[in-house]
Amino acid sequence: MKVLILGASYGSLLSTKLLMAGHNVTLVCLPEEAELINAEGTVVRMTLRGEDAPRLLKSGDYPGKLDAMTPDAARPADYDLVALAMQEPQYRAAEVRALLGRIASSGKPCLSIMNMPPLPYLKRIEGLDADALRDCFTDASVWDGFDPGCVSLCSPDPQAFRPPEEQLNFLHVGLPTNFKAAAFEDDAHTQILRQLEADIAAVTLDGKDVPVKLRVHGSIFVPLAKWSMLLTGNYRCVTTGEARPIKEAVHSDIDESRAIYAWVDELAQSLGADPADQVPFEKYANAAQSLLKPSSAARAIYAGAPHIERVDKVVQTIAASKGLRLDAVDATVSIVDAKLAANRA
């Protein structure tokens, strides 16, 4: 299959898994990234289970073909699937906005691996007033052309980042968990995901299993399990002072973290999520022990970003529509609001 992925940083993790499984990938990125990737490919650093030293997974070593291009050159109609792996504020850039319009017009299945759920996906949740959430987006109008049935969400659970000392084509995977994707409305579109799921699962390296699978779920609520993690850890890395690691955000007050996590879980269940599809707090808290850096949202804020993905505001707004609130969540949203306002000023 041919897969178009918007975003060459986090997107290179999914692209590497697809290349290993024999599929072809085009990464959409900035000109300097595209030039480097077309010349040298991508490198993903990841440790296999049972090994101490990390492996360097180089795109050129695998059967699938990789290329990269800028947004203006991408033609979505030429692909079987489109994946969105940029940060939500980046979609308002003129070239990216125009590409989103072409993606929407193509009718191709579009899988988001953003933390921020696209508006068309939220419209698939029965009983949820998605239009009331427009103010949570940097520019909600970029999503207006999409058919909700062609959009699904994949929880970006694997923790990965681009080390500042490495080149633009390098990604380090710190927590190699699985991508959890919700099914599309159209079974034919879902079947594409299930084929990719099976092909990725079959890949081995020197006879060993390779972490980071694609898992496809029938429920559209499965990716919402990430919301509890984001509100408990990622956004609480932002403080009135300096940024703190996810581990500290979660474990500095474990009782408050447990309460936030449970409250967000219950909110997801009120929308239709099955408790069995959610991640137990203890499992998340244990994983957070190894997350020794601030979240990408926090790093962006402290680097001066005027906008970030605001899943915290999505959760707060949905809760308010149901007459629910939690002081700890309100405090987090206020701190993030203040930091972003200062950056914009």
C-alpha atoms as a PDB file:
ATOM      1  CA  MET A   1       0.000   0.000   0.000  1.00  0.00           C
ATOM      2  CA  LYS A   2       0.924   3.653  -0.337  1.00  0.00           C
ATOM      3  CA  VAL A   3       0.609   5.755   2.804  1.00  0.00           C
ATOM      4  CA  LEU A   4       0.942   9.533   3.033  1.00  0.00           C
ATOM      5  CA  ILE A   5       2.065  10.759   6.471  1.00  0.00           C
ATOM      6  CA  LEU A   6       1.947  14.429   7.420  1.00  0.00           C
ATOM      7  CA  GLY A   7       4.822  15.015   9.831  1.00  0.00           C
ATOM      8  CA  ALA A   8       8.347  13.604   9.571  1.00  0.00           C
ATOM      9  CA  SER A   9       9.296  13.600  13.249  1.00  0.00           C
ATOM     10  CA  TYR A  10       6.791  11.451  15.156  1.00  0.00           C
ATOM     11  CA  GLY A  11       5.507  10.232  11.777  1.00  0.00           C
ATOM     12  CA  SER A  12       8.820   8.513  11.087  1.00  0.00           C
ATOM     13  CA  LEU A  13       8.013   5.926  13.784  1.00  0.00           C
ATOM     14  CA  LEU A  14       4.852   4.766  12.012  1.00  0.00           C
ATOM     15  CA  SER A  15       6.590   5.050   8.637  1.00  0.00           C
ATOM     16  CA  THR A  16       9.450   2.787   9.800  1.00  0.00           C
ATOM     17  CA  LYS A  17       6.976   0.127  10.930  1.00  0.00           C
ATOM     18  CA  LEU A  18       5.198   0.324   7.559  1.00  0.00           C
ATOM     19  CA  LEU A  19       8.474   0.158   5.610  1.00  0.00           C
ATOM     20  CA  MET A  20       9.538  -2.923   7.567  1.00  0.00           C
ATOM     21  CA  ALA A  21       6.211  -4.513   6.584  1.00  0.00           C
ATOM     22  CA  GLY A  22       6.824  -3.783   2.893  1.00  0.00           C
ATOM     23  CA  HIS A  23       4.579  -0.775   2.354  1.00  0.00           C
ATOM     24  CA  ASN A  24       5.554   2.503   0.698  1.00  0.00           C
ATOM     25  CA  VAL A  25       5.470   5.798   2.583  1.00  0.00           C
ATOM     26  CA  THR A  26       5.694   9.485   1.696  1.00  0.00           C
ATOM     27  CA  LEU A  27       6.494  11.871   4.539  1.00  0.00           C
ATOM     28  CA  VAL A  28       5.219  15.444   4.236  1.00  0.00           C
ATOM     29  CA  CYS A  29       7.536  17.899   5.966  1.00  0.00           C
ATOM     30  CA  LEU A  30       9.604  21.066   5.767  1.00  0.00           C
ATOM     31  CA  PRO A  31      11.941  21.542   2.765  1.00  0.00           C
ATOM     32  CA  GLU A  32      15.138  20.937   4.752  1.00  0.00           C
ATOM     33  CA  GLU A  33      13.664  17.766   6.261  1.00  0.00           C
ATOM     34  CA  ALA A  34      12.514  16.494   2.861  1.00  0.00           C
ATOM     35  CA  GLU A  35      15.932  17.104   1.330  1.00  0.00           C
ATOM     36  CA  LEU A  36      17.719  15.234   4.120  1.00  0.00           C
ATOM     37  CA  ILE A  37      15.261  12.314   4.154  1.00  0.00           C
ATOM     38  CA  ASN A  38      15.403  11.889   0.372  1.00  0.00           C
ATOM     39  CA  ALA A  39      19.209  11.856   0.580  1.00  0.00           C
ATOM     40  CA  GLU A  40      19.762   9.765   3.700  1.00  0.00           C
ATOM     41  CA  GLY A  41      16.420   8.231   4.765  1.00  0.00           C
ATOM     42  CA  THR A  42      15.255   8.149   8.389  1.00  0.00           C
ATOM     43  CA  VAL A  43      16.711   6.601  11.534  1.00  0.00           C
ATOM     44  CA  VAL A  44      14.640   5.410  14.502  1.00  0.00           C
ATOM     45  CA  ARG A  45      16.469   4.423  17.697  1.00  0.00           C
ATOM     46  CA  MET A  46      14.576   1.813  19.709  1.00  0.00           C
ATOM     47  CA  THR A  47      15.417  -0.957  22.161  1.00  0.00           C
ATOM     48  CA  LEU A  48      13.972  -4.400  21.459  1.00  0.00           C
ATOM     49  CA  ARG A  49      12.571  -6.433  24.347  1.00  0.00           C
ATOM     50  CA  GLY A  50      15.237  -8.438  26.072  1.00  0.00           C
ATOM     51  CA  GLU A  51      18.062  -6.295  24.729  1.00  0.00           C
ATOM     52  CA  ASP A  52      20.103  -3.667  26.572  1.00  0.00           C
ATOM     53  CA  ALA A  53      21.528  -1.680  23.665  1.00  0.00           C
ATOM     54  CA  PRO A  54      19.156   0.192  21.337  1.00  0.00           C
ATOM     55  CA  ARG A  55      18.923  -0.637  17.644  1.00  0.00           C
ATOM     56  CA  LEU A  56      19.137   1.919  14.844  1.00  0.00           C
ATOM     57  CA  LEU A  57      16.295   1.185  12.431  1.00  0.00           C
ATOM     58  CA  LYS A  58      17.289   2.732   9.103  1.00  0.00           C
ATOM     59  CA  SER A  59      14.599   3.206   6.468  1.00  0.00           C
ATOM     60  CA  GLY A  60      16.874   2.118   3.612  1.00  0.00           C
ATOM     61  CA  ASP A  61      17.283  -1.360   5.118  1.00  0.00           C
ATOM     62  CA  TYR A  62      13.654  -2.380   4.609  1.00  0.00           C
ATOM     63  CA  PRO A  63      11.543  -3.554   1.654  1.00  0.00           C
ATOM     64  CA  GLY A  64       9.175  -0.583   1.590  1.00  0.00           C
ATOM     65  CA  LYS A  65      10.129   2.597  -0.242  1.00  0.00           C
ATOM     66  CA  LEU A  66      10.337   5.991   1.455  1.00  0.00           C
ATOM     67  CA  ASP A  67      10.326   9.482   0.034  1.00  0.00           C
ATOM     68  CA  ALA A  68       9.600  12.938   1.415  1.00  0.00           C
ATOM     69  CA  MET A  69       8.084  16.118   0.011  1.00  0.00           C
ATOM     70  CA  THR A  70       6.701  19.497   0.980  1.00  0.00           C
ATOM     71  CA  PRO A  71       2.923  19.969   1.438  1.00  0.00           C
ATOM     72  CA  ASP A  72       2.391  21.691  -1.924  1.00  0.00           C
ATOM     73  CA  ALA A  73       3.710  18.643  -3.800  1.00  0.00           C
ATOM     74  CA  ALA A  74       1.537  16.020  -2.080  1.00  0.00           C
ATOM     75  CA  ARG A  75      -1.349  14.472  -4.017  1.00  0.00           C
ATOM     76  CA  PRO A  76      -3.563  12.554  -1.557  1.00  0.00           C
ATOM     77  CA  ALA A  77      -5.566  10.852  -4.319  1.00  0.00           C
ATOM     78  CA  ASP A  78      -2.470   8.764  -5.148  1.00  0.00           C
ATOM     79  CA  TYR A  79      -2.486   7.033  -1.737  1.00  0.00           C
ATOM     80  CA  ASP A  80      -4.478   4.327   0.039  1.00  0.00           C
ATOM     81  CA  LEU A  81      -4.336   5.972   3.467  1.00  0.00           C
ATOM     82  CA  VAL A  82      -3.392   9.359   4.920  1.00  0.00           C
ATOM     83  CA  ALA A  83      -1.976   9.699   8.452  1.00  0.00           C
ATOM     84  CA  LEU A  84      -1.816  12.975  10.385  1.00  0.00           C
ATOM     85  CA  ALA A  85       1.257  13.137  12.639  1.00  0.00           C
ATOM     86  CA  MET A  86       1.806  16.882  12.986  1.00  0.00           C
ATOM     87  CA  GLN A  87       0.892  18.964  16.029  1.00  0.00           C
ATOM     88  CA  GLU A  88      -2.602  20.444  15.716  1.00  0.00           C
ATOM     89  CA  PRO A  89      -1.501  24.122  15.474  1.00  0.00           C
ATOM     90  CA  GLN A  90       0.628  23.301  12.413  1.00  0.00           C
ATOM     91  CA  TYR A  91      -2.432  22.532  10.280  1.00  0.00           C
ATOM     92  CA  ARG A  92      -3.357  26.207  10.006  1.00  0.00           C
ATOM     93  CA  ALA A  93      -0.178  26.979   7.997  1.00  0.00           C
ATOM     94  CA  ALA A  94      -1.242  27.977   4.471  1.00  0.00           C
ATOM     95  CA  GLU A  95       0.411  25.080   2.584  1.00  0.00           C
ATOM     96  CA  VAL A  96      -0.747  22.499   5.130  1.00  0.00           C
ATOM     97  CA  ARG A  97      -4.282  23.913   5.187  1.00  0.00           C
ATOM     98  CA  ALA A  98      -4.409  23.624   1.390  1.00  0.00           C
ATOM     99  CA  LEU A  99      -3.198  20.011   1.616  1.00  0.00           C
ATOM    100  CA  LEU A 100      -5.876  19.217   4.201  1.00  0.00           C
ATOM    101  CA  GLY A 101      -8.428  20.538   1.727  1.00  0.00           C
ATOM    102  CA  ARG A 102      -7.116  18.149  -0.936  1.00  0.00           C
ATOM    103  CA  ILE A 103      -7.183  15.267   1.548  1.00  0.00           C
ATOM    104  CA  ALA A 104     -10.804  16.026   2.437  1.00  0.00           C
ATOM    105  CA  SER A 105     -11.784  16.267  -1.244  1.00  0.00           C
ATOM    106  CA  SER A 106     -10.052  12.965  -2.083  1.00  0.00           C
ATOM    107  CA  GLY A 107     -12.318  10.951   0.210  1.00  0.00           C
ATOM    108  CA  LYS A 108      -9.331   8.846   1.269  1.00  0.00           C
ATOM    109  CA  PRO A 109      -9.397   7.375   4.775  1.00  0.00           C
ATOM    110  CA  CYS A 110      -7.545   9.714   7.119  1.00  0.00           C
ATOM    111  CA  LEU A 111      -6.062   8.396  10.371  1.00  0.00           C
ATOM    112  CA  SER A 112      -4.980  10.975  12.943  1.00  0.00           C
ATOM    113  CA  ILE A 113      -2.145  10.068  15.309  1.00  0.00           C
ATOM    114  CA  MET A 114      -2.312  13.424  17.050  1.00  0.00           C
ATOM    115  CA  ASN A 115      -3.118  13.689  20.742  1.00  0.00           C
ATOM    116  CA  MET A 116      -5.718  16.276  19.724  1.00  0.00           C
ATOM    117  CA  PRO A 117      -8.721  14.502  18.163  1.00  0.00           C
ATOM    118  CA  PRO A 118      -9.746  16.172  14.870  1.00  0.00           C
ATOM    119  CA  LEU A 119     -13.187  17.775  14.888  1.00  0.00           C
ATOM    120  CA  PRO A 120     -14.600  15.363  12.250  1.00  0.00           C
ATOM    121  CA  TYR A 121     -13.681  12.448  14.512  1.00  0.00           C
ATOM    122  CA  LEU A 122     -15.397  14.066  17.491  1.00  0.00           C
ATOM    123  CA  LYS A 123     -18.510  14.430  15.338  1.00  0.00           C
ATOM    124  CA  ARG A 124     -18.674  10.632  15.196  1.00  0.00           C
ATOM    125  CA  ILE A 125     -19.380  10.484  18.950  1.00  0.00           C
ATOM    126  CA  GLU A 126     -23.145  10.317  19.355  1.00  0.00           C
ATOM    127  CA  GLY A 127     -24.592  12.939  21.682  1.00  0.00           C
ATOM    128  CA  LEU A 128     -21.442  15.091  21.718  1.00  0.00           C
ATOM    129  CA  ASP A 129     -21.793  18.686  20.493  1.00  0.00           C
ATOM    130  CA  ALA A 130     -18.536  18.874  18.550  1.00  0.00           C
ATOM    131  CA  ASP A 131     -19.213  22.434  17.410  1.00  0.00           C
ATOM    132  CA  ALA A 132     -19.060  23.543  21.057  1.00  0.00           C
ATOM    133  CA  LEU A 133     -15.402  22.439  21.015  1.00  0.00           C
ATOM    134  CA  ARG A 134     -14.285  24.645  18.117  1.00  0.00           C
ATOM    135  CA  ASP A 135     -12.633  27.178  20.425  1.00  0.00           C
ATOM    136  CA  CYS A 136     -10.304  24.442  21.710  1.00  0.00           C
ATOM    137  CA  PHE A 137      -8.625  24.330  18.284  1.00  0.00           C
ATOM    138  CA  THR A 138      -6.056  26.768  16.939  1.00  0.00           C
ATOM    139  CA  ASP A 139      -8.162  27.103  13.778  1.00  0.00           C
ATOM    140  CA  ALA A 140     -11.156  24.776  13.670  1.00  0.00           C
ATOM    141  CA  SER A 141     -12.064  25.775  10.105  1.00  0.00           C
ATOM    142  CA  VAL A 142      -9.286  23.627   8.620  1.00  0.00           C
ATOM    143  CA  TRP A 143     -11.427  20.554   9.430  1.00  0.00           C
ATOM    144  CA  ASP A 144     -14.671  21.793   7.906  1.00  0.00           C
ATOM    145  CA  GLY A 145     -14.313  19.997   4.569  1.00  0.00           C
ATOM    146  CA  PHE A 146     -13.960  16.484   6.007  1.00  0.00           C
ATOM    147  CA  ASP A 147     -16.585  13.743   5.987  1.00  0.00           C
ATOM    148  CA  PRO A 148     -16.515  12.406   9.578  1.00  0.00           C
ATOM    149  CA  GLY A 149     -16.900   8.883   8.222  1.00  0.00           C
ATOM    150  CA  CYS A 150     -13.491   9.162   6.538  1.00  0.00           C
ATOM    151  CA  VAL A 151     -11.661  10.256   9.702  1.00  0.00           C
ATOM    152  CA  SER A 152     -10.497   8.093  12.583  1.00  0.00           C
ATOM    153  CA  LEU A 153      -8.140   8.455  15.530  1.00  0.00           C
ATOM    154  CA  CYS A 154      -5.091   6.488  16.603  1.00  0.00           C
ATOM    155  CA  SER A 155      -3.811   6.996  20.126  1.00  0.00           C
ATOM    156  CA  PRO A 156      -0.130   8.012  19.917  1.00  0.00           C
ATOM    157  CA  ASP A 157       0.856   6.017  22.993  1.00  0.00           C
ATOM    158  CA  PRO A 158       4.500   5.334  22.020  1.00  0.00           C
ATOM    159  CA  GLN A 159       6.714   8.006  23.558  1.00  0.00           C
ATOM    160  CA  ALA A 160       9.235   9.335  21.029  1.00  0.00           C
ATOM    161  CA  PHE A 161      11.136  12.541  20.417  1.00  0.00           C
ATOM    162  CA  ARG A 162      13.802  14.036  18.201  1.00  0.00           C
ATOM    163  CA  PRO A 163      17.002  14.473  20.287  1.00  0.00           C
ATOM    164  CA  PRO A 164      18.318  18.036  19.881  1.00  0.00           C
ATOM    165  CA  GLU A 165      21.845  16.806  19.166  1.00  0.00           C
ATOM    166  CA  GLU A 166      20.708  14.605  16.247  1.00  0.00           C
ATOM    167  CA  GLN A 167      19.777  15.443  12.652  1.00  0.00           C
ATOM    168  CA  LEU A 168      16.225  16.176  11.512  1.00  0.00           C
ATOM    169  CA  ASN A 169      15.765  12.606  10.227  1.00  0.00           C
ATOM    170  CA  PHE A 170      16.411  10.975  13.632  1.00  0.00           C
ATOM    171  CA  LEU A 171      13.832   9.827  16.209  1.00  0.00           C
ATOM    172  CA  HIS A 172      14.406   8.251  19.627  1.00  0.00           C
ATOM    173  CA  VAL A 173      11.691   5.964  21.042  1.00  0.00           C
ATOM    174  CA  GLY A 174      11.657   6.087  24.829  1.00  0.00           C
ATOM    175  CA  LEU A 175       8.518   4.012  25.487  1.00  0.00           C
ATOM    176  CA  PRO A 176       7.770   1.528  22.664  1.00  0.00           C
ATOM    177  CA  THR A 177       4.081   0.884  23.309  1.00  0.00           C
ATOM    178  CA  ASN A 178       1.423   0.293  20.636  1.00  0.00           C
ATOM    179  CA  PHE A 179      -0.607   2.571  18.383  1.00  0.00           C
ATOM    180  CA  LYS A 180      -4.318   1.976  19.157  1.00  0.00           C
ATOM    181  CA  ALA A 181      -6.549   2.887  16.222  1.00  0.00           C
ATOM    182  CA  ALA A 182     -10.331   3.152  16.122  1.00  0.00           C
ATOM    183  CA  ALA A 183     -12.177   1.680  13.159  1.00  0.00           C
ATOM    184  CA  PHE A 184     -13.534   3.832  10.339  1.00  0.00           C
ATOM    185  CA  GLU A 185     -17.248   3.980   9.549  1.00  0.00           C
ATOM    186  CA  ASP A 186     -16.584   2.249   6.202  1.00  0.00           C
ATOM    187  CA  ASP A 187     -15.535  -1.397   6.568  1.00  0.00           C
ATOM    188  CA  ALA A 188     -13.390  -1.108   3.432  1.00  0.00           C
ATOM    189  CA  HIS A 189     -11.379   1.642   5.077  1.00  0.00           C
ATOM    190  CA  THR A 190     -11.070  -0.346   8.300  1.00  0.00           C
ATOM    191  CA  GLN A 191      -9.850  -3.320   6.304  1.00  0.00           C
ATOM    192  CA  ILE A 192      -6.865  -1.251   5.167  1.00  0.00           C
ATOM    193  CA  LEU A 193      -5.937  -0.737   8.823  1.00  0.00           C
ATOM    194  CA  ARG A 194      -6.399  -4.420   9.617  1.00  0.00           C
ATOM    195  CA  GLN A 195      -4.116  -5.405   6.725  1.00  0.00           C
ATOM    196  CA  LEU A 196      -1.449  -3.004   7.951  1.00  0.00           C
ATOM    197  CA  GLU A 197      -1.950  -4.321  11.494  1.00  0.00           C
ATOM    198  CA  ALA A 198      -1.327  -7.895  10.369  1.00  0.00           C
ATOM    199  CA  ASP A 199       1.666  -7.007   8.199  1.00  0.00           C
ATOM    200  CA  ILE A 200       3.337  -5.004  10.984  1.00  0.00           C
ATOM    201  CA  ALA A 201       2.701  -7.809  13.492  1.00  0.00           C
ATOM    202  CA  ALA A 202       4.464 -10.322  11.207  1.00  0.00           C
ATOM    203  CA  VAL A 203       7.740  -8.369  11.108  1.00  0.00           C
ATOM    204  CA  THR A 204      10.744  -9.712  13.005  1.00  0.00           C
ATOM    205  CA  LEU A 205      14.328  -8.479  13.281  1.00  0.00           C
ATOM    206  CA  ASP A 206      16.987 -11.168  13.594  1.00  0.00           C
ATOM    207  CA  GLY A 207      14.182 -13.504  14.593  1.00  0.00           C
ATOM    208  CA  LYS A 208      13.006 -11.168  17.362  1.00  0.00           C
ATOM    209  CA  ASP A 209       9.719  -9.375  17.795  1.00  0.00           C
ATOM    210  CA  VAL A 210       9.789  -5.643  17.029  1.00  0.00           C
ATOM    211  CA  PRO A 211       7.886  -3.385  19.477  1.00  0.00           C
ATOM    212  CA  VAL A 212       5.288  -0.759  18.524  1.00  0.00           C
ATOM    213  CA  LYS A 213       2.396  -2.546  16.852  1.00  0.00           C
ATOM    214  CA  LEU A 214      -0.710  -1.136  15.220  1.00  0.00           C
ATOM    215  CA  ARG A 215      -3.806  -2.371  17.054  1.00  0.00           C
ATOM    216  CA  VAL A 216      -7.206  -1.793  15.434  1.00  0.00           C
ATOM    217  CA  HIS A 217     -10.288  -1.629  17.652  1.00  0.00           C
ATOM    218  CA  GLY A 218     -13.956  -1.654  16.726  1.00  0.00           C
ATOM    219  CA  SER A 219     -14.877   0.989  19.312  1.00  0.00           C
ATOM    220  CA  ILE A 220     -14.314   4.643  18.471  1.00  0.00           C
ATOM    221  CA  PHE A 221     -13.699   5.287  22.184  1.00  0.00           C
ATOM    222  CA  VAL A 222     -10.494   3.247  22.604  1.00  0.00           C
ATOM    223  CA  PRO A 223      -8.120   6.158  21.733  1.00  0.00           C
ATOM    224  CA  LEU A 224      -9.834   8.271  24.411  1.00  0.00           C
ATOM    225  CA  ALA A 225      -7.944   6.237  27.015  1.00  0.00           C
ATOM    226  CA  LYS A 226      -5.021   8.551  26.261  1.00  0.00           C
ATOM    227  CA  TRP A 227      -6.948  11.527  27.666  1.00  0.00           C
ATOM    228  CA  SER A 228      -6.465  10.356  31.260  1.00  0.00           C
ATOM    229  CA  MET A 229      -2.713  10.083  30.696  1.00  0.00           C
ATOM    230  CA  LEU A 230      -2.484  13.518  29.089  1.00  0.00           C
ATOM    231  CA  LEU A 231      -4.415  15.274  31.863  1.00  0.00           C
ATOM    232  CA  THR A 232      -2.601  13.411  34.636  1.00  0.00           C
ATOM    233  CA  GLY A 233       0.923  13.657  33.247  1.00  0.00           C
ATOM    234  CA  ASN A 234       1.620  15.607  30.058  1.00  0.00           C
ATOM    235  CA  TYR A 235      -0.181  18.881  30.771  1.00  0.00           C
ATOM    236  CA  ARG A 236       0.826  18.876  34.440  1.00  0.00           C
ATOM    237  CA  CYS A 237       4.460  19.104  33.308  1.00  0.00           C
ATOM    238  CA  VAL A 238       3.599  22.782  32.837  1.00  0.00           C
ATOM    239  CA  THR A 239       3.848  24.658  36.143  1.00  0.00           C
ATOM    240  CA  THR A 240       3.878  28.267  37.244  1.00  0.00           C
ATOM    241  CA  GLY A 241       7.664  27.864  37.362  1.00  0.00           C
ATOM    242  CA  GLU A 242       9.888  25.546  35.346  1.00  0.00           C
ATOM    243  CA  ALA A 243       8.806  22.543  33.315  1.00  0.00           C
ATOM    244  CA  ARG A 244       8.950  19.211  35.111  1.00  0.00           C
ATOM    245  CA  PRO A 245       9.310  15.635  33.816  1.00  0.00           C
ATOM    246  CA  ILE A 246       6.210  13.467  33.334  1.00  0.00           C
ATOM    247  CA  LYS A 247       7.475  11.184  36.111  1.00  0.00           C
ATOM    248  CA  GLU A 248       7.451  14.083  38.588  1.00  0.00           C
ATOM    249  CA  ALA A 249       4.075  15.354  37.390  1.00  0.00           C
ATOM    250  CA  VAL A 250       2.544  11.947  38.105  1.00  0.00           C
ATOM    251  CA  HIS A 251       4.455  10.823  41.190  1.00  0.00           C
ATOM    252  CA  SER A 252       4.975  14.043  43.167  1.00  0.00           C
ATOM    253  CA  ASP A 253       1.361  13.672  44.425  1.00  0.00           C
ATOM    254  CA  ILE A 254       0.215  10.190  43.499  1.00  0.00           C
ATOM    255  CA  ASP A 255      -3.186  10.537  45.199  1.00  0.00           C
ATOM    256  CA  GLU A 256      -4.067  13.662  43.213  1.00  0.00           C
ATOM    257  CA  SER A 257      -2.829  11.981  40.034  1.00  0.00           C
ATOM    258  CA  ARG A 258      -5.023   8.948  40.714  1.00  0.00           C
ATOM    259  CA  ALA A 259      -8.040  11.205  41.282  1.00  0.00           C
ATOM    260  CA  ILE A 260      -7.493  13.135  38.024  1.00  0.00           C
ATOM    261  CA  TYR A 261      -6.994   9.915  36.083  1.00  0.00           C
ATOM    262  CA  ALA A 262     -10.198   8.365  37.459  1.00  0.00           C
ATOM    263  CA  TRP A 263     -12.221  11.530  36.787  1.00  0.00           C
ATOM    264  CA  VAL A 264     -11.150  11.683  33.127  1.00  0.00           C
ATOM    265  CA  ASP A 265     -11.788   7.942  32.747  1.00  0.00           C
ATOM    266  CA  GLU A 266     -15.314   8.437  34.076  1.00  0.00           C
ATOM    267  CA  LEU A 267     -15.878  11.313  31.643  1.00  0.00           C
ATOM    268  CA  ALA A 268     -14.848   9.070  28.728  1.00  0.00           C
ATOM    269  CA  GLN A 269     -17.208   6.381  30.020  1.00  0.00           C
ATOM    270  CA  SER A 270     -20.054   8.917  30.085  1.00  0.00           C
ATOM    271  CA  LEU A 271     -19.477   9.373  26.328  1.00  0.00           C
ATOM    272  CA  GLY A 272     -19.645   5.623  25.715  1.00  0.00           C
ATOM    273  CA  ALA A 273     -16.184   4.237  26.492  1.00  0.00           C
ATOM    274  CA  ASP A 274     -15.977   0.712  27.880  1.00  0.00           C
ATOM    275  CA  PRO A 275     -13.966   0.556  31.142  1.00  0.00           C
ATOM    276  CA  ALA A 276     -12.299  -2.594  29.771  1.00  0.00           C
ATOM    277  CA  ASP A 277     -10.742  -0.512  26.962  1.00  0.00           C
ATOM    278  CA  GLN A 278      -9.131   1.938  29.360  1.00  0.00           C
ATOM    279  CA  VAL A 279      -5.649   1.633  30.831  1.00  0.00           C
ATOM    280  CA  PRO A 280      -5.505   1.018  34.606  1.00  0.00           C
ATOM    281  CA  PHE A 281      -3.921   3.857  36.552  1.00  0.00           C
ATOM    282  CA  GLU A 282      -1.296   1.583  38.091  1.00  0.00           C
ATOM    283  CA  LYS A 283      -0.077   0.515  34.658  1.00  0.00           C
ATOM    284  CA  TYR A 284       0.210   4.138  33.528  1.00  0.00           C
ATOM    285  CA  ALA A 285       1.905   5.242  36.755  1.00  0.00           C
ATOM    286  CA  ASN A 286       4.448   2.457  36.373  1.00  0.00           C
ATOM    287  CA  ALA A 287       5.190   3.476  32.780  1.00  0.00           C
ATOM    288  CA  ALA A 288       5.539   7.104  33.883  1.00  0.00           C
ATOM    289  CA  GLN A 289       8.475   6.094  36.077  1.00  0.00           C
ATOM    290  CA  SER A 290      10.582   5.904  32.909  1.00  0.00           C
ATOM    291  CA  LEU A 291       9.377   9.217  31.428  1.00  0.00           C
ATOM    292  CA  LEU A 292      12.192  11.429  32.651  1.00  0.00           C
ATOM    293  CA  LYS A 293      11.629  14.427  30.347  1.00  0.00           C
ATOM    294  CA  PRO A 294       8.850  17.013  30.190  1.00  0.00           C
ATOM    295  CA  SER A 295       6.079  16.275  27.686  1.00  0.00           C
ATOM    296  CA  SER A 296       6.226  17.624  24.141  1.00  0.00           C
ATOM    297  CA  ALA A 297       3.460  20.087  25.069  1.00  0.00           C
ATOM    298  CA  ALA A 298       5.525  21.419  27.962  1.00  0.00           C
ATOM    299  CA  ARG A 299       8.714  21.585  25.910  1.00  0.00           C
ATOM    300  CA  ALA A 300       6.888  23.576  23.237  1.00  0.00           C
ATOM    301  CA  ILE A 301       5.480  26.055  25.765  1.00  0.00           C
ATOM    302  CA  TYR A 302       8.826  26.642  27.437  1.00  0.00           C
ATOM    303  CA  ALA A 303      10.426  27.098  24.004  1.00  0.00           C
ATOM    304  CA  GLY A 304       8.004  29.982  23.381  1.00  0.00           C
ATOM    305  CA  ALA A 305       5.248  28.338  21.294  1.00  0.00           C
ATOM    306  CA  PRO A 306       2.174  30.583  20.971  1.00  0.00           C
ATOM    307  CA  HIS A 307      -0.157  27.579  20.472  1.00  0.00           C
ATOM    308  CA  ILE A 308      -0.141  23.877  21.405  1.00  0.00           C
ATOM    309  CA  GLU A 309      -2.655  21.028  21.226  1.00  0.00           C
ATOM    310  CA  ARG A 310      -5.289  21.662  23.888  1.00  0.00           C
ATOM    311  CA  VAL A 311      -6.718  18.282  24.832  1.00  0.00           C
ATOM    312  CA  ASP A 312      -6.918  19.686  28.365  1.00  0.00           C
ATOM    313  CA  LYS A 313      -9.457  22.252  27.147  1.00  0.00           C
ATOM    314  CA  VAL A 314     -11.376  19.616  25.152  1.00  0.00           C
ATOM    315  CA  VAL A 315     -11.762  17.518  28.296  1.00  0.00           C
ATOM    316  CA  GLN A 316     -12.692  20.523  30.449  1.00  0.00           C
ATOM    317  CA  THR A 317     -15.265  21.745  27.905  1.00  0.00           C
ATOM    318  CA  ILE A 318     -16.897  18.332  27.464  1.00  0.00           C
ATOM    319  CA  ALA A 319     -17.087  17.941  31.244  1.00  0.00           C
ATOM    320  CA  ALA A 320     -18.650  21.379  31.642  1.00  0.00           C
ATOM    321  CA  SER A 321     -21.338  20.445  29.107  1.00  0.00           C
ATOM    322  CA  LYS A 322     -22.262  17.608  31.470  1.00  0.00           C
ATOM    323  CA  GLY A 323     -22.181  19.810  34.566  1.00  0.00           C
ATOM    324  CA  LEU A 324     -18.866  18.338  35.746  1.00  0.00           C
ATOM    325  CA  ARG A 325     -15.658  19.996  36.884  1.00  0.00           C
ATOM    326  CA  LEU A 326     -12.504  19.140  38.823  1.00  0.00           C
ATOM    327  CA  ASP A 327     -10.356  21.761  40.561  1.00  0.00           C
ATOM    328  CA  ALA A 328      -7.086  20.089  39.514  1.00  0.00           C
ATOM    329  CA  VAL A 329      -8.105  20.101  35.841  1.00  0.00           C
ATOM    330  CA  ASP A 330      -9.256  23.724  36.014  1.00  0.00           C
ATOM    331  CA  ALA A 331      -5.914  24.638  37.585  1.00  0.00           C
ATOM    332  CA  THR A 332      -3.961  22.897  34.831  1.00  0.00           C
ATOM    333  CA  VAL A 333      -5.948  24.626  32.082  1.00  0.00           C
ATOM    334  CA  SER A 334      -5.429  28.019  33.768  1.00  0.00           C
ATOM    335  CA  ILE A 335      -1.659  27.520  34.054  1.00  0.00           C
ATOM    336  CA  VAL A 336      -1.372  26.447  30.402  1.00  0.00           C
ATOM    337  CA  ASP A 337      -3.598  29.354  29.303  1.00  0.00           C
ATOM    338  CA  ALA A 338      -1.404  31.819  31.172  1.00  0.00           C
ATOM    339  CA  LYS A 339       1.852  30.441  29.772  1.00  0.00           C
ATOM    340  CA  LEU A 340       0.541  30.535  26.190  1.00  0.00           C
ATOM    341  CA  ALA A 341      -0.847  34.035  26.647  1.00  0.00           C
ATOM    342  CA  ALA A 342       2.552  35.187  27.856  1.00  0.00           C
ATOM    343  CA  ASN A 343       4.205  33.567  24.831  1.00  0.00           C
ATOM    344  CA  ARG A 344       1.789  35.250  22.439  1.00  0.00           C
ATOM    345  CA  ALA A 345       2.396  38.595  24.140  1.00  0.00           C
END
